[in-house]
């Protein structure tokens, strides 16, 4: 057993869990961390996607009462049926786009320079969204969302296919701009993540199974466990945080971090691999 490889897997798992649900881009952080650790070959890219499932288990645990109640009521209650339909509608645009252009995006945009640039751009977008006059809140709870609301958020989620954008950032900020409350936008972002990230993980494992062997199981299991634990801490903290705070600090973090990555790449201080 390669202890160094397991340590790298643990670090990547923590990075995934801490960044997946914050508006800072988990994919971007994984690309940068992988470049620093020398953990960025084709198998590592499959690993990065697969361990998202560990983070999703944390969301399922935190929201288990809502998920369980929806599943139990699904055959008979219209509200549960509408909620499930909204999640499905929000999920579909990303599926279609991933099948059409996902391979091209991974081939050309999964680089530290692109990530750093989108970090900065996304940071300024969050600042603009938080400081502009708020439109009237139409949707206080995810149960109040219409299928059209779900479709709009799902379309916004597609922006996150560009690494560094942040899936959670796109859906939460996009939802708020579309008239959802901060709580409703955050909750729907989490619920939307369940089919999106599980689907991406399963699809990647099946499609790239020729790269994998049973000897890789300890590495993947380590990443999943560390992603789950760190995501559980992060999700619970974020739900408390949004009740009294804005996302402005995350915007400044994105801008500063993006500038540092670009500067270190330009100066040669860090040999980022494009």
Foldseek 3Di string as FASTA:
>chain_A
DDPLLLVLLLVLLLLQQQAQQAQFFSLLSSLQSCQQSVQDDPVSVLLNLQLNLLLLVLLCVVCVVVVVVLVVCVVPDPLSVQLVLLLVLLQPVLVVVCVVCVVVLVVPQSFNLQLLVLLQVLLVVQVCLVPDDFDAAPAEASSPDGSVLSNQLSVQLNVPSRGNRHSNSSQQSSSRNVRHDSLRSSNSSSSSCNCNSVVSSVVSCVVVVVVDDPVCVSSSVSSSNSSNVSNNVNVVVVSVAVVPDGSNVSSVVSNVVSVVSVVCCVVVVDVTDD
